[in-house]
Amino acid sequence: GGGGGGGSEAPRGFVTLNWRRVLESEEGLRAVPRVERGALPLHHLRLMHVQLSALRNGFIVARLLGRALVLPPTLCSCELGFWPKHIGGRCVAGDHKTLALPYVCPIDHYLDPSALANSPFAHRERPFLDNNRTAPALLASRVTVLAGGPAAAAAAPPAAVRVVALPARPDADQVVAALGSEEARVLHLDDPDASFGGFAAGDEQRAASWPRQLQSLLSSWCCTSDPAFKRTAGTVPYLLPPVDGPRAWASEKRGWVARTLGEAFEAAGGHATAG
């Protein structure tokens, strides 16, 4: 039970993500500089890029194992507007003077809830495990997954929680081999970024279709007056970071978004790019 559909009812259990590690993976990731009204909020797009990379891995690992992903507390560092120049220099709408940034994004600020509900990616809403109706036995049946092989597990501090080792950046077959028979109801990925590294050679069908399906779940940010986004009426589509690197965007119909954002980051002198 619990809010959120998509895929099956996930009888195998659930996957959770160590979101603190994601947010601390890059220095200054939660910074909120002032931006010109109507400009691209590059700091927010950088933050979303890092989070969507981890979210991608969580969705894929959960689906490989027949589990549901418990959505993490994804952060937004720029408010969602309704028209170009709606968002002011503090990255909030003019009448939202008390909104503190970054804030936990409502799901429809980064995902399409209807598409997610009808997708093959099972999920549960962010508060699912904190709900007082969640069975204590479910919360007690938890294992922490340490990506990096036996050495990572051996280096883990002694704790009450059980740990299991996963190769660093494993392919889909390695994920299933390491975790497919795990009976714990909740698998907690300690390092989401290192918990999935792609699909094995010969697995082209899933390598092509799963990322495409995930891309269709993403929403967009509104709105910029940058002329590069005139074709989308100022909306900036969120892009699923490719497992195989930014070159994978070249053949995608939204490759122009990646190129445009990459040029914007380069012009701004930032080290973070759309890839």
Protein backbone atom coordinates (compact mmCIF):
# COMPACT_ATOMS: atom_id res chain seq x y z
CA GLY A 1 0.00 0.00 0.00
CA GLY A 2 0.97 3.66 -0.02
CA GLY A 3 0.65 6.45 -2.53
CA GLY A 4 2.17 6.06 -5.95
CA GLY A 5 1.70 3.55 -8.70
CA GLY A 6 3.66 2.86 -11.83
CA GLY A 7 4.71 -0.64 -12.79
CA SER A 8 3.56 -3.49 -10.63
CA GLU A 9 2.57 -3.39 -6.99
CA ALA A 10 6.21 -4.31 -6.30
CA PRO A 11 5.72 -7.30 -4.00
CA ARG A 12 9.50 -7.67 -3.70
CA GLY A 13 9.78 -4.49 -1.67
CA PHE A 14 11.30 -1.04 -2.01
CA VAL A 15 14.45 0.91 -2.88
CA THR A 16 15.49 4.09 -1.05
CA LEU A 17 18.33 6.48 -1.88
CA ASN A 18 20.90 8.17 0.35
CA TRP A 19 19.94 11.68 -0.80
CA ARG A 20 22.33 13.48 1.53
CA ARG A 21 25.22 11.90 -0.32
CA VAL A 22 23.78 13.06 -3.65
CA LEU A 23 23.39 16.65 -2.44
CA GLU A 24 26.92 16.68 -1.01
CA SER A 25 28.52 15.21 -4.14
CA GLU A 26 29.45 18.63 -5.56
CA GLU A 27 30.57 21.76 -3.74
CA GLY A 28 28.04 24.57 -3.76
CA LEU A 29 25.30 22.46 -5.24
CA ARG A 30 22.63 24.09 -3.06
CA ALA A 31 23.83 27.66 -3.64
CA VAL A 32 21.23 30.17 -4.82
CA PRO A 33 22.86 33.13 -6.61
CA ARG A 34 20.81 36.02 -7.95
CA VAL A 35 19.85 35.74 -11.62
CA GLU A 36 18.53 38.29 -14.03
CA ARG A 37 14.78 38.18 -14.56
CA GLY A 38 14.11 35.85 -17.48
CA ALA A 39 17.63 34.38 -17.52
CA LEU A 40 18.41 30.69 -17.37
CA PRO A 41 18.77 29.59 -13.71
CA LEU A 42 21.97 27.64 -14.31
CA HIS A 43 22.45 26.85 -10.62
CA HIS A 44 19.03 25.17 -10.49
CA LEU A 45 19.61 23.25 -13.73
CA ARG A 46 22.95 22.01 -12.39
CA LEU A 47 21.27 20.85 -9.16
CA MET A 48 18.55 19.06 -11.12
CA HIS A 49 21.11 17.39 -13.38
CA VAL A 50 22.91 15.83 -10.42
CA GLN A 51 19.66 14.73 -8.78
CA LEU A 52 18.16 13.31 -11.98
CA SER A 53 21.29 11.20 -12.49
CA ALA A 54 20.78 9.61 -9.07
CA LEU A 55 17.03 9.30 -9.62
CA ARG A 56 17.68 7.52 -12.93
CA ASN A 57 19.84 4.92 -11.17
CA GLY A 58 17.25 4.46 -8.44
CA PHE A 59 14.42 3.86 -10.90
CA ILE A 60 16.48 1.42 -12.96
CA VAL A 61 17.78 -0.59 -9.98
CA ALA A 62 14.27 -0.80 -8.52
CA ARG A 63 12.79 -2.00 -11.81
CA LEU A 64 15.54 -4.57 -12.33
CA LEU A 65 14.71 -6.05 -8.92
CA GLY A 66 10.91 -5.84 -9.19
CA ARG A 67 10.79 -3.24 -6.43
CA ALA A 68 9.30 0.24 -6.06
CA LEU A 69 11.48 3.33 -5.67
CA VAL A 70 10.56 5.58 -2.76
CA LEU A 71 10.92 9.05 -4.27
CA PRO A 72 13.67 11.11 -2.59
CA PRO A 73 13.35 14.70 -1.28
CA THR A 74 14.37 16.28 -4.59
CA LEU A 75 15.35 19.94 -4.17
CA CYS A 76 14.51 22.92 -6.38
CA SER A 77 16.70 26.03 -6.12
CA CYS A 78 14.51 28.13 -8.41
CA GLU A 79 10.76 28.39 -8.28
CA LEU A 80 8.61 27.22 -11.17
CA GLY A 81 7.00 30.14 -12.97
CA PHE A 82 4.08 30.48 -15.34
CA TRP A 83 5.48 32.75 -18.07
CA PRO A 84 8.82 34.25 -19.14
CA LYS A 85 10.13 36.82 -16.66
CA HIS A 86 7.65 35.65 -13.99
CA ILE A 87 10.59 34.60 -11.80
CA GLY A 88 12.61 37.44 -10.29
CA GLY A 89 16.24 37.86 -9.33
CA ARG A 90 15.91 35.78 -6.16
CA CYS A 91 14.58 32.93 -8.33
CA VAL A 92 11.10 33.19 -6.82
CA ALA A 93 7.85 34.67 -8.10
CA GLY A 94 7.46 38.30 -7.03
CA ASP A 95 4.76 37.69 -4.45
CA HIS A 96 6.50 34.74 -2.76
CA LYS A 97 8.85 36.81 -0.64
CA THR A 98 9.10 34.30 2.22
CA LEU A 99 9.89 31.21 0.14
CA ALA A 100 13.24 29.81 1.25
CA LEU A 101 15.46 28.25 -1.40
CA PRO A 102 16.22 25.50 -2.04
CA TYR A 103 12.95 23.78 -1.18
CA VAL A 104 11.67 20.21 -1.57
CA CYS A 105 10.08 20.16 -5.01
CA PRO A 106 6.46 19.10 -5.38
CA ILE A 107 6.52 16.04 -7.62
CA ASP A 108 5.01 17.89 -10.59
CA HIS A 109 7.88 20.41 -10.54
CA TYR A 110 10.25 17.81 -11.95
CA LEU A 111 8.15 14.79 -12.99
CA ASP A 112 4.92 14.24 -14.88
CA PRO A 113 2.76 12.46 -12.25
CA SER A 114 0.32 11.04 -14.81
CA ALA A 115 3.09 9.63 -16.98
CA LEU A 116 4.81 8.19 -13.91
CA ALA A 117 1.61 6.53 -12.69
CA ASN A 118 1.19 4.82 -16.06
CA SER A 119 4.85 3.88 -16.49
CA PRO A 120 6.60 0.54 -15.84
CA PHE A 121 8.61 2.18 -13.03
CA ALA A 122 6.96 1.34 -9.71
CA HIS A 123 7.28 4.05 -7.08
CA ARG A 124 5.97 5.34 -3.80
CA GLU A 125 5.55 8.95 -2.70
CA ARG A 126 8.33 10.52 -0.65
CA PRO A 127 6.61 10.27 2.80
CA PHE A 128 5.72 6.58 2.31
CA LEU A 129 8.12 5.14 4.89
CA ASP A 130 7.38 7.96 7.35
CA ASN A 131 3.64 7.26 7.29
CA ASN A 132 2.39 6.08 10.68
CA ARG A 133 0.37 3.42 8.88
CA THR A 134 3.53 1.81 7.48
CA ALA A 135 4.08 -1.52 9.21
CA PRO A 136 7.02 -1.50 11.68
CA ALA A 137 8.06 -4.88 10.29
CA LEU A 138 8.64 -3.24 6.90
CA LEU A 139 10.90 -0.59 8.40
CA ALA A 140 12.84 -3.23 10.32
CA SER A 141 13.48 -5.31 7.19
CA ARG A 142 16.19 -3.08 5.72
CA VAL A 143 19.63 -3.58 4.25
CA THR A 144 22.15 -0.93 3.18
CA VAL A 145 23.71 -1.52 -0.24
CA LEU A 146 27.35 -0.42 -0.48
CA ALA A 147 28.60 -0.07 -4.04
CA GLY A 148 32.28 -0.89 -4.34
CA GLY A 149 32.46 -4.60 -3.71
CA PRO A 150 33.61 -6.44 -0.56
CA ALA A 151 36.11 -3.71 0.29
CA ALA A 152 33.28 -1.19 0.65
CA ALA A 153 31.33 -3.53 2.90
CA ALA A 154 34.42 -4.26 5.02
CA ALA A 155 35.05 -0.53 5.47
CA ALA A 156 31.51 0.13 6.63
CA PRO A 157 31.25 1.17 10.28
CA PRO A 158 29.67 -1.43 12.55
CA ALA A 159 25.98 -0.66 12.95
CA ALA A 160 22.68 -2.31 13.65
CA VAL A 161 21.75 -2.21 9.96
CA ARG A 162 22.84 -5.05 7.74
CA VAL A 163 24.98 -4.27 4.70
CA VAL A 164 25.43 -6.03 1.37
CA ALA A 165 28.13 -5.36 -1.22
CA LEU A 166 27.54 -4.37 -4.82
CA PRO A 167 30.26 -3.92 -7.46
CA ALA A 168 30.99 -0.26 -8.18
CA ARG A 169 28.91 0.99 -11.14
CA PRO A 170 27.55 -2.49 -11.93
CA ASP A 171 25.73 -3.39 -15.11
CA ALA A 172 22.14 -4.61 -14.99
CA ASP A 173 23.08 -8.28 -14.78
CA GLN A 174 25.46 -7.62 -11.88
CA VAL A 175 22.73 -5.74 -10.00
CA VAL A 176 20.38 -8.69 -10.30
CA ALA A 177 23.11 -11.20 -9.41
CA ALA A 178 24.06 -9.28 -6.26
CA LEU A 179 20.62 -8.19 -5.06
CA GLY A 180 18.02 -10.29 -6.86
CA SER A 181 17.70 -12.84 -4.06
CA GLU A 182 17.87 -10.30 -1.22
CA GLU A 183 14.84 -10.81 1.03
CA ALA A 184 14.98 -7.49 2.92
CA ARG A 185 11.91 -5.40 2.18
CA VAL A 186 13.89 -2.17 1.90
CA LEU A 187 17.16 -1.81 -0.01
CA HIS A 188 18.91 1.47 0.81
CA LEU A 189 21.43 2.55 -1.83
CA ASP A 190 24.19 4.30 0.11
CA ASP A 191 25.79 5.73 -3.05
CA PRO A 192 23.14 6.09 -5.78
CA ASP A 193 25.66 7.37 -8.32
CA ALA A 194 27.84 4.25 -8.00
CA SER A 195 24.92 1.80 -7.83
CA PHE A 196 24.36 1.46 -11.57
CA GLY A 197 26.77 1.76 -14.47
CA GLY A 198 24.80 0.76 -17.54
CA PHE A 199 23.52 -2.21 -19.48
CA ALA A 200 25.80 -5.02 -20.61
CA ALA A 201 26.80 -5.50 -24.23
CA GLY A 202 24.02 -7.37 -26.00
CA ASP A 203 21.35 -5.69 -23.87
CA GLU A 204 20.65 -3.00 -26.47
CA GLN A 205 16.87 -3.20 -26.19
CA ARG A 206 16.74 -2.19 -22.53
CA ALA A 207 19.70 0.18 -22.96
CA ALA A 208 17.65 2.12 -25.51
CA SER A 209 14.10 1.80 -24.20
CA TRP A 210 14.46 2.28 -20.44
CA PRO A 211 16.21 5.69 -20.61
CA ARG A 212 13.69 6.78 -23.26
CA GLN A 213 10.84 5.78 -20.97
CA LEU A 214 12.44 7.65 -18.06
CA GLN A 215 12.94 10.78 -20.17
CA SER A 216 9.21 10.78 -20.90
CA LEU A 217 8.53 11.07 -17.15
CA LEU A 218 10.42 14.36 -16.74
CA SER A 219 8.75 17.77 -16.74
CA SER A 220 10.36 21.16 -17.39
CA TRP A 221 11.21 24.50 -15.82
CA CYS A 222 9.26 27.64 -16.71
CA CYS A 223 10.20 30.04 -17.97
CA THR A 224 13.12 31.84 -19.57
CA SER A 225 13.10 34.71 -22.03
CA ASP A 226 16.35 33.40 -23.54
CA PRO A 227 15.78 33.39 -27.33
CA ALA A 228 17.34 29.91 -27.57
CA PHE A 229 14.17 28.54 -25.96
CA LYS A 230 11.69 30.49 -28.07
CA ARG A 231 10.69 27.24 -29.80
CA THR A 232 9.41 25.89 -26.44
CA ALA A 233 7.77 29.18 -25.42
CA GLY A 234 10.42 29.65 -22.76
CA THR A 235 10.13 26.28 -21.04
CA VAL A 236 13.38 24.41 -20.41
CA PRO A 237 12.89 20.64 -20.64
CA TYR A 238 14.68 18.58 -18.02
CA LEU A 239 16.98 16.02 -19.57
CA LEU A 240 17.72 12.55 -18.26
CA PRO A 241 21.51 12.35 -17.85
CA PRO A 242 22.69 9.47 -20.08
CA VAL A 243 24.44 6.60 -18.33
CA ASP A 244 26.98 6.49 -21.16
CA GLY A 245 27.85 10.19 -21.08
CA PRO A 246 26.67 13.28 -22.93
CA ARG A 247 27.52 11.93 -26.39
CA ALA A 248 24.41 9.77 -26.10
CA TRP A 249 22.36 12.97 -26.45
CA ALA A 250 23.64 13.60 -29.98
CA SER A 251 21.00 11.45 -31.66
CA GLU A 252 18.16 12.41 -29.37
CA LYS A 253 15.43 14.77 -30.49
CA ARG A 254 16.19 16.93 -27.44
CA GLY A 255 19.88 17.02 -28.18
CA TRP A 256 19.52 20.72 -28.97
CA VAL A 257 18.56 21.34 -25.33
CA ALA A 258 21.79 19.71 -24.13
CA ARG A 259 23.86 21.70 -26.63
CA THR A 260 22.14 24.98 -25.72
CA LEU A 261 22.58 24.45 -21.99
CA GLY A 262 26.17 23.33 -22.46
CA GLU A 263 26.90 26.56 -24.33
CA ALA A 264 25.17 28.59 -21.59
CA PHE A 265 27.28 26.99 -18.84
CA GLU A 266 30.44 27.47 -20.87
CA ALA A 267 29.61 31.13 -21.46
CA ALA A 268 28.98 31.60 -17.73
CA GLY A 269 32.36 30.09 -16.93
CA GLY A 270 30.80 27.42 -14.71
CA HIS A 271 32.45 24.04 -14.29
CA ALA A 272 29.08 22.28 -14.29
CA THR A 273 27.61 21.57 -17.69
CA ALA A 274 24.52 19.95 -19.11
CA GLY A 275 26.64 16.82 -19.51
